[in-house]
Amino acid sequence: MQLRALEIFCSVCEFRSFSRAGTEFSLTQSAVSQSIQQLEEGLGVQLVDRTRRPLVLTRAGEFYLKGVQPLVRSYRRIEQEVRSLGEKVAGELNVGAIYSIGSTYLPAAKREFRIRHPEVSVKFDYSSSEGVAAMVSDGSVDVGLVSYARSTSRIRAIPWQQEPMRLICAAGHPFANYSEIELTQLNGCELVGFDSSLKVRRAVDSFLARHSVSVDVTMEFDNIDSMIRAVEANQGISILPEATVRKETANGSLRVVACKQMKLTRPLGIIVKRAGKLTRAADEFASMLLGRSMSATDKKPTPSPRIDKGVSVVA
C-alpha cells in the first residue's frame, strides 16, 4: 500500500472534500477520487459516502482512519527528523493552545520562530485545556500550551510562566475613576466571572475567600473573550489575566484597576506526549518559549520569560 494514498485519504477525512484534499497535494479532484477508489477496491469496502456533502466516512472508513492516522503521523515525523539532521530545522510543527494564549502570546512567538526557522511550516489549533490535552495525547499536535497544566500517565507538563491576574472594569464603571482601591471594596460588587467548572474560577474564588471578600457573580462564561465583551456591554468588573485585555486597555474601553492586594496569577504550561521523542522543530519551539533547552526542564526550573507584544521572546 503506497503511503501517498494513505496521506490523501487522511486529507480527505480532514477536509471532507475531494477538491480541498486535491489542493493540498496539487492534484485534481478526479485524481483524489481515483486514489480513494483504489484504496476501497484493495480493501473490498467503501470508505467514503459520496452521496452526502460534506463527505461522510462509512463505519469502515472511520475504523480505517483511526488505524492509518498514527502511521502517517509517525512517518512524517521520521521524515522531519531526517531532514533536520542537517544544520537547518525543517518540516512541520503543530501547536495546540487554549484560545487566550492563542490571542496573546502566540502571534509574537510565531513571528520569532519563523525568523529563527523559516523552513518550518507552523500550524496552530485552538481548543479548551482538555481539548489541547487530547490533541497532545493522540499526536494531533506536537506541543500544547494550556493553563493549569498537569502531568498524567500520557502527558508531561512543563511550567512556563505565571500570568498576573488583574481587576479590570469598564470605562464607565465607578472604579475607573480610582487611582487605586482596596480589595475589600469588592465586597458585594457584581462580577463577571469564569464558569464554575473551570480551575481558574476556583482559584479566583479561593483567593477572594482567603481575603474575606464576597462578590456576586452575575454572569459566568467559559471563555475570556465573552467575559471581556460582557464587562464592556454592562459597564461591569471582572478579574482576568492582564495580557488578555491589552487591546481593550489600549483603546480605553477597559481599565486595569490598581489593587496592591491583587496578588493572583494563572499558571501557564507546556504539555508534550510522554511516549516518543519530540521532533527537532517542536523541541526548538518549546525551548524558545522557555528560554532554555527542553533537556533542562528535568532540573530545577528557572524564571520563564514572557512573550508579549513588542517584547523579545527570550528575555
Protein backbone atom coordinates (compact mmCIF):
# COMPACT_ATOMS: atom_id res chain seq x y z
CA MET A 1 0.00 0.00 0.00
CA GLN A 2 1.52 3.35 -1.01
CA LEU A 3 1.95 5.91 1.75
CA ARG A 4 0.86 8.66 -0.66
CA ALA A 5 -2.61 7.11 -0.93
CA LEU A 6 -2.90 6.97 2.85
CA GLU A 7 -1.88 10.62 3.12
CA ILE A 8 -4.50 11.58 0.55
CA PHE A 9 -7.13 9.56 2.42
CA CYS A 10 -6.29 11.33 5.70
CA SER A 11 -6.51 14.69 3.95
CA VAL A 12 -9.95 13.83 2.51
CA CYS A 13 -11.07 12.87 6.02
CA GLU A 14 -9.77 16.14 7.45
CA PHE A 15 -11.40 18.42 4.87
CA ARG A 16 -14.39 16.19 4.00
CA SER A 17 -13.79 17.21 0.40
CA PHE A 18 -12.00 15.71 -2.59
CA SER A 19 -11.27 19.13 -4.08
CA ARG A 20 -9.74 20.61 -0.91
CA ALA A 21 -7.63 17.49 -0.41
CA GLY A 22 -6.51 17.83 -4.02
CA THR A 23 -5.32 21.36 -3.37
CA GLU A 24 -3.12 20.07 -0.55
CA PHE A 25 -1.38 17.65 -2.90
CA SER A 26 -1.60 19.66 -6.16
CA LEU A 27 -3.96 17.06 -7.62
CA THR A 28 -7.26 17.32 -9.44
CA GLN A 29 -10.47 16.32 -7.72
CA SER A 30 -10.72 13.38 -10.10
CA ALA A 31 -7.22 12.15 -9.18
CA VAL A 32 -8.06 12.26 -5.47
CA SER A 33 -11.32 10.40 -6.07
CA GLN A 34 -9.49 7.72 -8.05
CA SER A 35 -6.91 7.33 -5.28
CA ILE A 36 -9.65 6.73 -2.71
CA GLN A 37 -11.44 4.35 -5.07
CA GLN A 38 -8.25 2.29 -5.48
CA LEU A 39 -7.96 2.06 -1.69
CA GLU A 40 -11.55 0.90 -1.46
CA GLU A 41 -11.07 -1.71 -4.21
CA GLY A 42 -7.96 -3.05 -2.49
CA LEU A 43 -9.78 -3.32 0.83
CA GLY A 44 -13.07 -4.53 -0.62
CA VAL A 45 -15.10 -1.98 1.37
CA GLN A 46 -16.47 1.52 0.87
CA LEU A 47 -14.61 4.11 2.94
CA VAL A 48 -16.36 7.32 1.91
CA ASP A 49 -20.06 8.03 1.41
CA ARG A 50 -20.03 10.17 -1.75
CA THR A 51 -23.77 10.84 -1.70
CA ARG A 52 -23.52 13.35 1.16
CA ARG A 53 -21.98 16.83 1.34
CA PRO A 54 -19.71 17.38 3.04
CA LEU A 55 -18.36 13.88 2.58
CA VAL A 56 -19.03 11.42 5.39
CA LEU A 57 -16.95 8.38 6.29
CA THR A 58 -18.59 4.99 6.44
CA ARG A 59 -18.16 2.84 9.54
CA ALA A 60 -15.30 1.07 7.78
CA GLY A 61 -13.80 4.45 6.84
CA GLU A 62 -13.88 5.64 10.45
CA PHE A 63 -12.16 2.45 11.61
CA TYR A 64 -9.58 2.68 8.82
CA LEU A 65 -8.80 6.33 9.59
CA LYS A 66 -8.24 5.53 13.26
CA GLY A 67 -5.64 2.97 12.27
CA VAL A 68 -3.77 4.77 9.49
CA GLN A 69 -3.58 8.27 11.01
CA PRO A 70 -0.90 7.32 13.59
CA LEU A 71 1.10 5.59 10.82
CA VAL A 72 1.05 8.68 8.61
CA ARG A 73 1.96 10.96 11.50
CA SER A 74 4.84 8.69 12.54
CA TYR A 75 6.21 8.61 9.01
CA ARG A 76 6.03 12.39 8.70
CA ARG A 77 7.89 12.78 11.97
CA ILE A 78 10.61 10.40 10.76
CA GLU A 79 10.90 12.44 7.57
CA GLN A 80 11.18 15.66 9.58
CA GLU A 81 13.87 14.19 11.82
CA VAL A 82 15.90 13.04 8.83
CA ARG A 83 15.57 16.43 7.12
CA SER A 84 16.57 18.14 10.35
CA LEU A 85 19.82 16.19 10.68
CA GLY A 86 21.48 18.95 8.70
CA GLU A 87 22.11 22.45 10.02
CA LYS A 88 18.63 23.80 9.27
CA VAL A 89 15.49 22.89 11.16
CA ALA A 90 12.78 21.97 8.66
CA GLY A 91 9.48 20.13 8.41
CA GLU A 92 6.12 20.75 10.07
CA LEU A 93 5.24 21.92 13.58
CA ASN A 94 1.73 21.53 15.02
CA VAL A 95 0.95 23.51 18.16
CA GLY A 96 -2.25 23.28 20.21
CA ALA A 97 -3.22 26.13 22.51
CA ILE A 98 -6.10 27.44 24.56
CA TYR A 99 -7.80 30.46 22.99
CA SER A 100 -6.45 33.08 25.40
CA ILE A 101 -2.84 32.01 24.79
CA GLY A 102 -3.51 31.96 21.06
CA SER A 103 -4.62 35.58 21.05
CA THR A 104 -1.97 36.96 23.40
CA TYR A 105 1.36 35.16 23.24
CA LEU A 106 1.37 33.12 20.05
CA PRO A 107 1.42 35.90 17.43
CA ALA A 108 4.80 37.14 18.73
CA ALA A 109 6.05 33.57 19.24
CA LYS A 110 5.11 32.61 15.69
CA ARG A 111 6.91 35.63 14.23
CA GLU A 112 10.03 34.93 16.26
CA PHE A 113 10.06 31.24 15.38
CA ARG A 114 9.68 31.99 11.67
CA ILE A 115 12.67 34.31 11.83
CA ARG A 116 14.73 31.61 13.52
CA HIS A 117 13.49 28.67 11.44
CA PRO A 118 11.96 29.87 8.15
CA GLU A 119 11.85 26.36 6.67
CA VAL A 120 9.43 25.05 9.31
CA SER A 121 5.73 25.14 8.47
CA VAL A 122 3.83 26.06 11.64
CA LYS A 123 0.15 25.27 12.21
CA PHE A 124 -1.89 26.22 15.29
CA ASP A 125 -5.04 24.53 16.61
CA TYR A 126 -7.13 26.11 19.35
CA SER A 127 -9.35 24.44 21.92
CA SER A 128 -10.07 24.21 25.64
CA SER A 129 -7.39 22.91 28.01
CA GLU A 130 -9.00 19.47 27.87
CA GLY A 131 -9.15 19.63 24.08
CA VAL A 132 -5.49 20.59 23.78
CA ALA A 133 -4.51 17.78 26.16
CA ALA A 134 -6.45 15.33 23.99
CA MET A 135 -4.67 16.57 20.85
CA VAL A 136 -1.28 16.12 22.52
CA SER A 137 -2.25 12.68 23.78
CA ASP A 138 -3.38 11.38 20.37
CA GLY A 139 -0.50 13.00 18.49
CA SER A 140 -2.57 15.57 16.58
CA VAL A 141 -0.20 18.29 17.80
CA ASP A 142 3.44 18.18 18.84
CA VAL A 143 3.23 20.73 21.67
CA GLY A 144 0.34 22.06 23.76
CA LEU A 145 0.05 25.37 25.62
CA VAL A 146 -2.52 25.43 28.43
CA SER A 147 -3.32 26.93 31.80
CA TYR A 148 -3.07 24.85 34.98
CA ALA A 149 -1.06 22.19 33.13
CA ARG A 150 -0.65 18.87 34.89
CA SER A 151 1.25 15.71 34.13
CA THR A 152 -0.59 12.44 33.56
CA SER A 153 0.41 8.93 32.56
CA ARG A 154 0.38 10.07 28.90
CA ILE A 155 1.33 13.75 29.16
CA ARG A 156 4.30 15.58 30.61
CA ALA A 157 3.70 19.13 31.85
CA ILE A 158 6.45 21.78 31.99
CA PRO A 159 5.82 25.07 33.87
CA TRP A 160 6.12 28.04 31.53
CA GLN A 161 5.11 31.25 33.31
CA GLN A 162 2.89 32.76 35.99
CA GLU A 163 0.47 35.15 34.33
CA PRO A 164 -0.66 38.10 36.52
CA MET A 165 -4.40 38.41 37.13
CA ARG A 166 -5.83 41.91 37.47
CA LEU A 167 -9.04 43.61 38.47
CA ILE A 168 -10.47 45.21 35.32
CA CYS A 169 -13.50 47.38 34.80
CA ALA A 170 -15.37 49.12 32.01
CA ALA A 171 -14.52 52.75 31.32
CA GLY A 172 -17.90 53.82 32.71
CA HIS A 173 -17.65 51.91 36.00
CA PRO A 174 -17.03 53.98 39.19
CA PHE A 175 -13.79 52.09 39.85
CA ALA A 176 -12.38 53.60 36.63
CA ASN A 177 -12.05 56.94 38.43
CA TYR A 178 -9.98 55.50 41.29
CA SER A 179 -6.19 55.58 41.20
CA GLU A 180 -6.19 52.55 43.50
CA ILE A 181 -8.68 50.51 45.53
CA GLU A 182 -8.59 48.14 48.45
CA LEU A 183 -9.57 44.53 47.80
CA THR A 184 -12.32 44.83 50.44
CA GLN A 185 -14.07 47.39 48.22
CA LEU A 186 -15.15 44.45 46.06
CA ASN A 187 -17.45 43.22 48.83
CA GLY A 188 -20.99 42.99 47.46
CA CYS A 189 -19.95 44.02 43.93
CA GLU A 190 -21.41 42.31 40.87
CA LEU A 191 -18.70 40.44 38.98
CA VAL A 192 -18.42 38.86 35.54
CA GLY A 193 -16.82 35.51 36.32
CA PHE A 194 -15.39 32.38 34.81
CA ASP A 195 -17.62 29.34 34.56
CA SER A 196 -17.74 27.50 37.88
CA SER A 197 -16.39 24.32 36.25
CA LEU A 198 -13.03 25.96 35.38
CA LYS A 199 -9.90 25.76 37.53
CA VAL A 200 -9.27 29.49 37.15
CA ARG A 201 -12.71 30.20 38.64
CA ARG A 202 -11.93 28.03 41.65
CA ALA A 203 -8.61 29.84 42.03
CA VAL A 204 -10.32 33.25 41.97
CA ASP A 205 -13.00 32.13 44.45
CA SER A 206 -10.36 30.72 46.79
CA PHE A 207 -8.28 33.90 46.61
CA LEU A 208 -11.25 36.13 47.44
CA ALA A 209 -12.36 33.82 50.27
CA ARG A 210 -8.89 33.96 51.84
CA HIS A 211 -9.22 37.74 51.93
CA SER A 212 -12.80 37.59 53.30
CA VAL A 213 -14.20 39.21 50.17
CA SER A 214 -17.65 38.21 48.93
CA VAL A 215 -18.81 39.14 45.41
CA ASP A 216 -21.96 38.49 43.41
CA VAL A 217 -21.07 36.62 40.21
CA THR A 218 -23.96 37.67 37.99
CA MET A 219 -22.65 36.22 34.71
CA GLU A 220 -20.42 33.21 34.02
CA PHE A 221 -18.55 32.33 30.83
CA ASP A 222 -16.19 29.57 29.76
CA ASN A 223 -14.03 31.87 27.61
CA ILE A 224 -12.26 35.16 28.23
CA ASP A 225 -13.42 36.90 25.05
CA SER A 226 -17.07 36.60 26.12
CA MET A 227 -16.17 37.90 29.59
CA ILE A 228 -14.49 40.96 28.09
CA ARG A 229 -17.49 41.70 25.88
CA ALA A 230 -19.83 41.30 28.88
CA VAL A 231 -17.80 43.72 31.00
CA GLU A 232 -17.81 46.28 28.19
CA ALA A 233 -21.52 45.91 27.47
CA ASN A 234 -22.67 46.00 31.11
CA GLN A 235 -20.17 48.53 32.47
CA GLY A 236 -19.02 45.80 34.82
CA ILE A 237 -15.92 44.44 36.52
CA SER A 238 -14.01 41.18 36.38
CA ILE A 239 -10.72 39.53 37.34
CA LEU A 240 -8.80 38.48 34.25
CA PRO A 241 -5.25 37.71 33.06
CA GLU A 242 -3.65 41.08 32.34
CA ALA A 243 -2.34 40.07 28.93
CA THR A 244 -5.82 39.20 27.63
CA VAL A 245 -7.14 42.77 27.92
CA ARG A 246 -4.16 44.54 26.36
CA LYS A 247 -6.10 45.68 23.28
CA GLU A 248 -9.09 46.92 25.31
CA THR A 249 -6.97 48.84 27.81
CA ALA A 250 -5.07 50.43 24.91
CA ASN A 251 -8.24 51.67 23.22
CA GLY A 252 -9.77 52.82 26.52
CA SER A 253 -12.81 50.54 26.68
CA LEU A 254 -11.43 48.79 29.77
CA ARG A 255 -9.26 49.91 32.68
CA VAL A 256 -6.91 47.92 34.89
CA VAL A 257 -7.69 48.96 38.46
CA ALA A 258 -4.66 49.16 40.74
CA CYS A 259 -5.03 46.99 43.85
CA LYS A 260 -1.99 46.08 45.95
CA GLN A 261 -3.70 43.02 47.43
CA MET A 262 -4.46 41.54 43.99
CA LYS A 263 -1.60 39.05 44.08
CA LEU A 264 -3.08 36.28 41.98
CA THR A 265 -1.59 34.52 38.97
CA ARG A 266 -2.73 32.00 36.39
CA PRO A 267 -0.06 29.33 35.72
CA LEU A 268 0.64 28.59 32.07
CA GLY A 269 2.40 25.42 30.99
CA ILE A 270 3.72 23.47 28.03
CA ILE A 271 2.50 19.90 27.60
CA VAL A 272 4.05 17.18 25.46
CA LYS A 273 3.40 13.49 24.96
CA ARG A 274 5.40 11.23 27.26
CA ALA A 275 5.83 8.47 24.69
CA GLY A 276 8.17 9.02 21.77
CA LYS A 277 10.56 11.84 21.05
CA LEU A 278 9.83 15.46 20.17
CA THR A 279 10.64 16.49 16.63
CA ARG A 280 13.51 18.91 16.38
CA ALA A 281 11.10 21.70 15.37
CA ALA A 282 8.91 21.03 18.43
CA ASP A 283 11.94 20.94 20.71
CA GLU A 284 13.20 24.25 19.28
CA PHE A 285 9.77 25.88 19.71
CA ALA A 286 9.34 24.76 23.31
CA SER A 287 12.92 25.74 24.14
CA MET A 288 12.30 29.18 22.62
CA LEU A 289 9.28 29.71 24.86
CA LEU A 290 11.11 28.53 27.96
CA GLY A 291 14.28 30.46 27.22
CA ARG A 292 16.29 27.31 27.89
CA SER A 293 16.78 23.87 26.43
CA MET A 294 13.97 21.38 26.91
CA SER A 295 16.56 18.99 28.36
CA ALA A 296 16.93 21.42 31.26
CA THR A 297 13.30 21.04 32.30
CA ASP A 298 14.14 17.98 34.36
CA LYS A 299 16.28 20.21 36.54
CA LYS A 300 15.20 22.96 38.94
CA PRO A 301 13.04 25.43 36.99
CA THR A 302 14.36 28.90 36.23
CA PRO A 303 12.18 32.01 35.82
CA SER A 304 10.38 31.77 32.49
CA PRO A 305 10.38 34.66 30.01
CA ARG A 306 7.16 36.24 28.86
CA ILE A 307 6.19 36.57 25.25
CA ASP A 308 4.47 39.91 24.89
CA LYS A 309 3.74 42.31 22.10
CA GLY A 310 6.86 44.31 21.46
CA VAL A 311 8.95 42.16 23.79
CA SER A 312 11.63 39.72 22.73
CA VAL A 313 10.62 36.07 23.01
CA VAL A 314 13.70 35.22 25.02
CA ALA A 315 14.50 37.52 27.90
